[in-house]
Structure formats: structure tokens, C-alpha cells
Amino acid sequence: MRLSSAVRTIVLVLVAFVGLSSAARADEGYVQLTIIKAGWIIGGNGGSGVLDFHGRRYPLTVGGIDYGLVFGGSRAVLRGRVSNIWRPSDIAGAYAAGGAGIVVGGGVRGILLTNARGVTLELAGNQFGLMANADLSGLAIGLR
């Protein structure tokens, strides 16, 4: 009898532990952003997007500044994966990136961003316009 109640206790503890550890994992979703960027030395960017998370769509706002060598204007449509997200509001926050590139007409762009909550955006897409940049960028994403 003692052995069977000890086994039952161990099994209950293991089931509880497995249940808690699986609930403690962050999830992932998908995002699409449209960003308009323009500047001369100091630039700005703004746009909108949508987060797809657990079968629901959440509208996003995008804005930020660029500082460095920035000349011209462009429009980028980026899509990708959002990881390490617990709830939709986790995507909101400031993201920092450094980058360099030249776009004349159209091109491909990819970027990896992380915010203070540890949410990571892996984005890729097309960029159109006339833009030369070697800059530091700050991007703020918010829920509408």
C-alpha cells in the first residue's frame, strides 16, 4: 500500500510539473508591417501593420526616427514571425537597429528586431523607392 501511494504522489507531482512547464512557454505569431521612411541626415518612419496571434488580428502602428547617413524615401512591406510573445500587448515597445543599404527602384530587405520584453521579430520583404542609408534606427510599435 505504501508503495502505491508513493507512486501516485510522484505521478501527480510529475503531471503538475509538466502542466506548469508547458504553460510557461511563450508563443509565436505572425506580423505584417508597411513602413514609409524618409529623411536627410535625420529621418523618420511611420506606418501600420497587423499582428496575427491565436487566430485573431490586431492592428498595429509603427513610428520612429533614424540618425546617420539617411537620404531619400522608401516604402517597405515586411512580413515575418514574432516569437517569445505571451499576449498581443507584448509586441508593443521600442526596437533598435543599425543598418545600411541602397535602394534604387526596388529591392529586398530583411531585419531582426528585439524589444525590452524579449519579443523577437524576424522580418523580410520588399522595399521600393530611392534611399541610401547607414544609420541607427529606433522603431516603436504599438497596438491600436
N, C-alpha and C. Protein backbone atom coordinates (compact mmCIF):
# COMPACT_ATOMS: atom_id res chain seq x y z
N MET A 1 0.81 -1.19 0.00
CA MET A 1 0.00 0.00 0.00
C MET A 1 0.86 1.26 0.00
N ARG A 2 1.90 1.25 0.80
CA ARG A 2 2.76 2.42 0.88
C ARG A 2 3.41 2.75 -0.46
N LEU A 3 3.82 1.73 -1.16
CA LEU A 3 4.46 1.93 -2.45
C LEU A 3 3.48 2.53 -3.46
N SER A 4 2.26 2.06 -3.47
CA SER A 4 1.31 2.56 -4.44
C SER A 4 0.94 4.01 -4.15
N SER A 5 0.82 4.44 -2.92
CA SER A 5 0.51 5.84 -2.64
C SER A 5 1.73 6.72 -2.93
N ALA A 6 2.91 6.22 -2.74
CA ALA A 6 4.12 6.96 -3.10
C ALA A 6 4.21 7.13 -4.61
N VAL A 7 3.89 6.08 -5.35
CA VAL A 7 3.89 6.14 -6.81
C VAL A 7 2.84 7.14 -7.28
N ARG A 8 1.65 7.10 -6.68
CA ARG A 8 0.59 8.05 -7.03
C ARG A 8 1.04 9.49 -6.79
N THR A 9 1.70 9.73 -5.68
CA THR A 9 2.18 11.07 -5.36
C THR A 9 3.21 11.54 -6.38
N ILE A 10 4.14 10.66 -6.73
CA ILE A 10 5.16 11.01 -7.71
C ILE A 10 4.52 11.32 -9.06
N VAL A 11 3.55 10.49 -9.47
CA VAL A 11 2.88 10.71 -10.74
C VAL A 11 2.13 12.04 -10.72
N LEU A 12 1.44 12.36 -9.64
CA LEU A 12 0.72 13.64 -9.54
C LEU A 12 1.68 14.82 -9.61
N VAL A 13 2.82 14.71 -8.93
CA VAL A 13 3.81 15.79 -8.95
C VAL A 13 4.36 15.97 -10.37
N LEU A 14 4.67 14.86 -11.05
CA LEU A 14 5.18 14.95 -12.42
C LEU A 14 4.15 15.55 -13.38
N VAL A 15 2.90 15.15 -13.25
CA VAL A 15 1.85 15.71 -14.11
C VAL A 15 1.70 17.20 -13.86
N ALA A 16 1.71 17.61 -12.60
CA ALA A 16 1.61 19.04 -12.27
C ALA A 16 2.81 19.80 -12.82
N PHE A 17 4.00 19.23 -12.69
CA PHE A 17 5.21 19.89 -13.19
C PHE A 17 5.17 20.04 -14.70
N VAL A 18 4.79 18.98 -15.41
CA VAL A 18 4.71 19.03 -16.87
C VAL A 18 3.66 20.05 -17.29
N GLY A 19 2.54 20.09 -16.61
CA GLY A 19 1.49 21.07 -16.93
C GLY A 19 1.96 22.49 -16.73
N LEU A 20 2.69 22.75 -15.65
CA LEU A 20 3.19 24.10 -15.40
C LEU A 20 4.27 24.49 -16.39
N SER A 21 5.16 23.57 -16.72
CA SER A 21 6.25 23.93 -17.62
C SER A 21 5.74 24.17 -19.03
N SER A 22 4.72 23.44 -19.48
CA SER A 22 4.19 23.70 -20.82
C SER A 22 3.42 25.01 -20.86
N ALA A 23 2.80 25.42 -19.77
CA ALA A 23 2.09 26.70 -19.72
C ALA A 23 3.06 27.86 -19.62
N ALA A 24 4.30 27.59 -19.23
CA ALA A 24 5.27 28.66 -19.04
C ALA A 24 6.03 29.00 -20.32
N ARG A 25 5.69 28.38 -21.44
CA ARG A 25 6.37 28.66 -22.70
C ARG A 25 5.68 29.80 -23.43
N ALA A 26 6.48 30.70 -23.95
CA ALA A 26 5.93 31.78 -24.76
C ALA A 26 5.50 31.21 -26.11
N ASP A 27 4.68 31.96 -26.81
CA ASP A 27 4.10 31.52 -28.07
C ASP A 27 4.69 32.32 -29.23
N GLU A 28 4.15 32.12 -30.41
CA GLU A 28 4.58 32.90 -31.57
C GLU A 28 3.37 33.27 -32.41
N GLY A 29 3.58 34.26 -33.26
CA GLY A 29 2.55 34.73 -34.17
C GLY A 29 3.21 35.24 -35.43
N TYR A 30 2.43 35.95 -36.23
CA TYR A 30 2.95 36.49 -37.48
C TYR A 30 2.57 37.96 -37.59
N VAL A 31 3.42 38.72 -38.26
CA VAL A 31 3.21 40.16 -38.37
C VAL A 31 3.47 40.61 -39.80
N GLN A 32 2.72 41.64 -40.21
CA GLN A 32 2.98 42.32 -41.47
C GLN A 32 3.02 43.80 -41.18
N LEU A 33 4.08 44.47 -41.63
CA LEU A 33 4.25 45.91 -41.41
C LEU A 33 4.48 46.61 -42.75
N THR A 34 3.87 47.77 -42.91
CA THR A 34 4.15 48.66 -44.04
C THR A 34 4.76 49.91 -43.45
N ILE A 35 6.01 50.21 -43.84
CA ILE A 35 6.76 51.31 -43.24
C ILE A 35 7.21 52.28 -44.34
N ILE A 36 6.88 53.55 -44.14
CA ILE A 36 7.33 54.62 -45.03
C ILE A 36 8.48 55.32 -44.31
N LYS A 37 9.60 55.47 -45.01
CA LYS A 37 10.81 56.06 -44.41
C LYS A 37 11.30 57.19 -45.31
N ALA A 38 11.65 58.34 -44.71
CA ALA A 38 12.18 59.47 -45.47
C ALA A 38 13.13 60.26 -44.59
N GLY A 39 14.11 60.92 -45.23
CA GLY A 39 14.99 61.74 -44.43
C GLY A 39 16.15 62.32 -45.19
N TRP A 40 16.79 63.24 -44.51
CA TRP A 40 18.01 63.88 -44.95
C TRP A 40 18.84 64.03 -43.68
N ILE A 41 19.83 63.22 -43.45
CA ILE A 41 20.65 63.11 -42.24
C ILE A 41 19.81 62.54 -41.10
N ILE A 42 18.78 63.25 -40.71
CA ILE A 42 17.84 62.73 -39.71
C ILE A 42 16.58 62.35 -40.46
N GLY A 43 16.09 61.17 -40.21
CA GLY A 43 14.91 60.71 -40.92
C GLY A 43 13.84 60.23 -39.97
N GLY A 44 12.73 59.94 -40.54
CA GLY A 44 11.62 59.41 -39.76
C GLY A 44 10.95 58.29 -40.52
N ASN A 45 10.24 57.48 -39.78
CA ASN A 45 9.48 56.42 -40.42
C ASN A 45 8.15 56.26 -39.71
N GLY A 46 7.19 55.82 -40.43
CA GLY A 46 5.87 55.61 -39.87
C GLY A 46 5.12 54.61 -40.72
N GLY A 47 4.08 54.07 -40.16
CA GLY A 47 3.29 53.11 -40.93
C GLY A 47 2.30 52.38 -40.06
N SER A 48 1.90 51.24 -40.55
CA SER A 48 0.90 50.44 -39.85
C SER A 48 1.17 48.97 -40.14
N GLY A 49 0.41 48.14 -39.49
CA GLY A 49 0.57 46.71 -39.70
C GLY A 49 -0.48 45.93 -38.97
N VAL A 50 -0.28 44.63 -38.94
CA VAL A 50 -1.22 43.75 -38.26
C VAL A 50 -0.46 42.58 -37.65
N LEU A 51 -0.86 42.19 -36.45
CA LEU A 51 -0.34 41.02 -35.76
C LEU A 51 -1.39 39.93 -35.82
N ASP A 52 -1.01 38.75 -36.30
CA ASP A 52 -1.88 37.57 -36.26
C ASP A 52 -1.40 36.70 -35.10
N PHE A 53 -2.29 36.55 -34.10
CA PHE A 53 -1.91 35.81 -32.89
C PHE A 53 -3.12 35.04 -32.37
N HIS A 54 -3.00 33.75 -32.26
CA HIS A 54 -4.06 32.87 -31.78
C HIS A 54 -5.36 33.04 -32.57
N GLY A 55 -5.24 33.16 -33.89
CA GLY A 55 -6.41 33.25 -34.74
C GLY A 55 -7.09 34.61 -34.79
N ARG A 56 -6.52 35.60 -34.13
CA ARG A 56 -7.10 36.95 -34.15
C ARG A 56 -6.10 37.91 -34.78
N ARG A 57 -6.63 39.00 -35.34
CA ARG A 57 -5.79 40.03 -35.96
C ARG A 57 -5.85 41.29 -35.12
N TYR A 58 -4.68 41.85 -34.82
CA TYR A 58 -4.56 43.06 -34.01
C TYR A 58 -3.89 44.15 -34.83
N PRO A 59 -4.55 45.30 -35.02
CA PRO A 59 -3.93 46.38 -35.80
C PRO A 59 -2.77 47.02 -35.02
N LEU A 60 -1.73 47.40 -35.76
CA LEU A 60 -0.52 47.98 -35.17
C LEU A 60 -0.23 49.35 -35.77
N THR A 61 0.44 50.19 -35.00
CA THR A 61 1.01 51.44 -35.50
C THR A 61 2.52 51.32 -35.42
N VAL A 62 3.20 52.00 -36.34
CA VAL A 62 4.66 51.96 -36.40
C VAL A 62 5.17 53.39 -36.56
N GLY A 63 6.20 53.76 -35.83
CA GLY A 63 6.82 55.07 -35.97
C GLY A 63 8.22 55.04 -35.42
N GLY A 64 9.03 56.00 -35.84
CA GLY A 64 10.38 56.03 -35.31
C GLY A 64 11.24 57.08 -35.97
N ILE A 65 12.51 57.09 -35.57
CA ILE A 65 13.48 58.04 -36.10
C ILE A 65 14.73 57.28 -36.55
N ASP A 66 15.47 57.92 -37.47
CA ASP A 66 16.73 57.38 -37.97
C ASP A 66 17.76 58.50 -37.87
N TYR A 67 18.98 58.13 -37.51
CA TYR A 67 20.04 59.13 -37.43
C TYR A 67 21.32 58.53 -38.01
N GLY A 68 21.96 59.28 -38.86
CA GLY A 68 23.20 58.85 -39.50
C GLY A 68 23.19 59.37 -40.92
N LEU A 69 23.62 58.55 -41.86
CA LEU A 69 23.54 58.90 -43.27
C LEU A 69 22.20 58.40 -43.77
N VAL A 70 21.26 59.32 -43.91
CA VAL A 70 19.93 58.99 -44.41
C VAL A 70 19.62 59.96 -45.53
N PHE A 71 19.29 59.43 -46.70
CA PHE A 71 18.94 60.30 -47.83
C PHE A 71 17.87 59.60 -48.65
N GLY A 72 16.75 60.28 -48.87
CA GLY A 72 15.73 59.77 -49.77
C GLY A 72 14.48 59.32 -49.06
N GLY A 73 13.75 58.47 -49.75
CA GLY A 73 12.50 57.95 -49.21
C GLY A 73 12.22 56.56 -49.75
N SER A 74 11.52 55.76 -48.97
CA SER A 74 11.20 54.41 -49.40
C SER A 74 9.96 53.91 -48.69
N ARG A 75 9.41 52.86 -49.26
CA ARG A 75 8.27 52.16 -48.67
C ARG A 75 8.64 50.69 -48.61
N ALA A 76 8.51 50.09 -47.42
CA ALA A 76 8.82 48.68 -47.25
C ALA A 76 7.59 47.94 -46.75
N VAL A 77 7.35 46.77 -47.31
CA VAL A 77 6.31 45.87 -46.83
C VAL A 77 7.03 44.63 -46.33
N LEU A 78 6.99 44.44 -45.00
CA LEU A 78 7.74 43.36 -44.35
C LEU A 78 6.77 42.38 -43.69
N ARG A 79 7.09 41.11 -43.81
CA ARG A 79 6.28 40.06 -43.18
C ARG A 79 7.23 39.12 -42.43
N GLY A 80 6.71 38.52 -41.37
CA GLY A 80 7.55 37.55 -40.69
C GLY A 80 6.97 37.04 -39.41
N ARG A 81 7.82 36.39 -38.67
CA ARG A 81 7.44 35.69 -37.45
C ARG A 81 7.72 36.55 -36.23
N VAL A 82 6.83 36.47 -35.27
CA VAL A 82 7.00 37.09 -33.96
C VAL A 82 7.16 35.94 -32.96
N SER A 83 8.25 35.93 -32.21
CA SER A 83 8.44 34.86 -31.24
C SER A 83 8.63 35.43 -29.85
N ASN A 84 8.48 34.55 -28.86
CA ASN A 84 8.61 34.89 -27.45
C ASN A 84 7.53 35.89 -27.01
N ILE A 85 6.30 35.64 -27.45
CA ILE A 85 5.18 36.53 -27.15
C ILE A 85 4.17 35.76 -26.29
N TRP A 86 3.73 36.39 -25.22
CA TRP A 86 2.76 35.78 -24.30
C TRP A 86 1.35 36.25 -24.61
N ARG A 87 1.22 37.54 -24.91
CA ARG A 87 -0.08 38.15 -25.22
C ARG A 87 0.16 39.24 -26.26
N PRO A 88 -0.87 39.67 -26.96
CA PRO A 88 -0.68 40.64 -28.04
C PRO A 88 0.02 41.93 -27.61
N SER A 89 -0.22 42.39 -26.41
CA SER A 89 0.39 43.65 -25.96
C SER A 89 1.90 43.56 -25.81
N ASP A 90 2.47 42.35 -25.78
CA ASP A 90 3.92 42.19 -25.67
C ASP A 90 4.67 42.74 -26.87
N ILE A 91 4.01 42.81 -28.03
CA ILE A 91 4.68 43.31 -29.23
C ILE A 91 4.93 44.81 -29.14
N ALA A 92 4.15 45.51 -28.33
CA ALA A 92 4.30 46.97 -28.20
C ALA A 92 5.62 47.30 -27.52
N GLY A 93 6.28 48.34 -28.02
CA GLY A 93 7.52 48.77 -27.39
C GLY A 93 8.50 49.32 -28.41
N ALA A 94 9.67 49.63 -27.91
CA ALA A 94 10.74 50.21 -28.73
C ALA A 94 11.68 49.12 -29.20
N TYR A 95 12.07 49.22 -30.44
CA TYR A 95 13.02 48.31 -31.07
C TYR A 95 14.15 49.16 -31.64
N ALA A 96 15.39 48.74 -31.50
CA ALA A 96 16.53 49.48 -32.03
C ALA A 96 17.25 48.60 -33.05
N ALA A 97 17.78 49.26 -34.09
CA ALA A 97 18.51 48.52 -35.12
C ALA A 97 19.51 49.43 -35.79
N GLY A 98 20.57 48.88 -36.28
CA GLY A 98 21.51 49.59 -37.12
C GLY A 98 21.46 48.95 -38.49
N GLY A 99 21.63 49.75 -39.51
CA GLY A 99 21.55 49.17 -40.84
C GLY A 99 22.21 50.03 -41.88
N ALA A 100 22.39 49.44 -43.04
CA ALA A 100 22.95 50.15 -44.18
C ALA A 100 22.39 49.53 -45.44
N GLY A 101 22.19 50.37 -46.45
CA GLY A 101 21.71 49.83 -47.71
C GLY A 101 21.43 50.93 -48.71
N ILE A 102 21.21 50.49 -49.92
CA ILE A 102 20.84 51.40 -51.01
C ILE A 102 19.69 50.76 -51.75
N VAL A 103 18.66 51.54 -52.00
CA VAL A 103 17.53 51.09 -52.80
C VAL A 103 17.33 52.10 -53.91
N VAL A 104 17.36 51.64 -55.13
CA VAL A 104 17.04 52.46 -56.29
C VAL A 104 15.98 51.69 -57.06
N GLY A 105 14.75 52.12 -56.94
CA GLY A 105 13.64 51.39 -57.55
C GLY A 105 13.07 50.40 -56.58
N GLY A 106 13.62 49.21 -56.51
CA GLY A 106 13.11 48.18 -55.61
C GLY A 106 14.20 47.25 -55.16
N GLY A 107 13.96 46.60 -54.05
CA GLY A 107 14.94 45.67 -53.51
C GLY A 107 14.33 44.82 -52.41
N VAL A 108 15.14 43.99 -51.84
CA VAL A 108 14.71 43.08 -50.78
C VAL A 108 15.31 43.58 -49.47
N ARG A 109 14.55 43.45 -48.39
CA ARG A 109 15.03 43.89 -47.08
C ARG A 109 14.70 42.82 -46.05
N GLY A 110 15.62 42.60 -45.12
CA GLY A 110 15.41 41.68 -44.00
C GLY A 110 15.92 42.33 -42.74
N ILE A 111 15.27 42.06 -41.63
CA ILE A 111 15.68 42.68 -40.36
C ILE A 111 15.27 41.79 -39.20
N LEU A 112 16.07 41.79 -38.16
CA LEU A 112 15.80 41.06 -36.92
C LEU A 112 15.77 42.09 -35.80
N LEU A 113 14.65 42.16 -35.07
CA LEU A 113 14.47 43.15 -34.00
C LEU A 113 14.05 42.48 -32.71
N THR A 114 14.45 43.05 -31.57
CA THR A 114 14.03 42.56 -30.26
C THR A 114 13.68 43.74 -29.38
N ASN A 115 12.60 43.62 -28.61
CA ASN A 115 12.24 44.70 -27.68
C ASN A 115 12.64 44.33 -26.25
N ALA A 116 12.34 45.20 -25.29
CA ALA A 116 12.75 45.01 -23.90
C ALA A 116 12.09 43.80 -23.25
N ARG A 117 10.95 43.36 -23.76
CA ARG A 117 10.26 42.18 -23.21
C ARG A 117 10.81 40.88 -23.77
N GLY A 118 11.75 40.99 -24.72
CA GLY A 118 12.33 39.80 -25.33
C GLY A 118 11.58 39.30 -26.54
N VAL A 119 10.58 40.06 -27.00
CA VAL A 119 9.84 39.69 -28.20
C VAL A 119 10.76 39.90 -29.41
N THR A 120 10.85 38.91 -30.28
CA THR A 120 11.72 38.98 -31.44
C THR A 120 10.89 38.99 -32.72
N LEU A 121 11.23 39.92 -33.62
CA LEU A 121 10.59 39.99 -34.93
C LEU A 121 11.62 39.60 -35.98
N GLU A 122 11.32 38.61 -36.79
CA GLU A 122 12.16 38.20 -37.92
C GLU A 122 11.39 38.57 -39.18
N LEU A 123 11.79 39.66 -39.84
CA LEU A 123 11.02 40.22 -40.93
C LEU A 123 11.80 40.22 -42.25
N ALA A 124 11.10 40.04 -43.33
CA ALA A 124 11.67 40.13 -44.67
C ALA A 124 10.59 40.63 -45.60
N GLY A 125 11.02 41.29 -46.68
CA GLY A 125 10.05 41.77 -47.64
C GLY A 125 10.69 42.64 -48.69
N ASN A 126 9.84 43.42 -49.36
CA ASN A 126 10.28 44.27 -50.45
C ASN A 126 10.32 45.72 -50.02
N GLN A 127 11.28 46.46 -50.57
CA GLN A 127 11.42 47.89 -50.31
C GLN A 127 11.48 48.60 -51.65
N PHE A 128 10.73 49.70 -51.79
CA PHE A 128 10.67 50.46 -53.04
C PHE A 128 11.00 51.91 -52.75
N GLY A 129 11.69 52.57 -53.66
CA GLY A 129 11.97 53.99 -53.53
C GLY A 129 13.40 54.31 -53.91
N LEU A 130 13.84 55.47 -53.46
CA LEU A 130 15.22 55.92 -53.65
C LEU A 130 15.75 56.24 -52.26
N MET A 131 16.62 55.39 -51.73
CA MET A 131 17.08 55.54 -50.35
C MET A 131 18.51 55.05 -50.24
N ALA A 132 19.35 55.85 -49.58
CA ALA A 132 20.70 55.43 -49.18
C ALA A 132 20.79 55.66 -47.69
N ASN A 133 21.19 54.66 -46.96
CA ASN A 133 21.29 54.83 -45.52
C ASN A 133 22.40 53.99 -44.89
N ALA A 134 23.00 54.55 -43.86
CA ALA A 134 23.91 53.87 -42.95
C ALA A 134 23.62 54.55 -41.62
N ASP A 135 22.72 53.96 -40.86
CA ASP A 135 22.17 54.69 -39.71
C ASP A 135 21.78 53.79 -38.56
N LEU A 136 21.45 54.45 -37.47
CA LEU A 136 20.84 53.81 -36.31
C LEU A 136 19.36 54.16 -36.35
N SER A 137 18.52 53.17 -36.15
CA SER A 137 17.09 53.40 -36.24
C SER A 137 16.41 53.01 -34.93
N GLY A 138 15.42 53.79 -34.58
CA GLY A 138 14.56 53.47 -33.46
C GLY A 138 13.16 53.28 -34.00
N LEU A 139 12.55 52.17 -33.70
CA LEU A 139 11.23 51.85 -34.20
C LEU A 139 10.32 51.55 -33.01
N ALA A 140 9.19 52.23 -32.97
CA ALA A 140 8.21 51.98 -31.90
C ALA A 140 6.98 51.33 -32.52
N ILE A 141 6.55 50.22 -31.93
CA ILE A 141 5.35 49.52 -32.40
C ILE A 141 4.32 49.59 -31.28
N GLY A 142 3.10 49.93 -31.63
CA GLY A 142 2.01 49.99 -30.65
C GLY A 142 0.77 49.32 -31.17
N LEU A 143 -0.09 48.89 -30.25
CA LEU A 143 -1.39 48.35 -30.60
C LEU A 143 -2.37 49.49 -30.78
N ARG A 144 -3.21 49.42 -31.80
CA ARG A 144 -4.24 50.46 -31.99
C ARG A 144 -5.45 50.15 -31.18
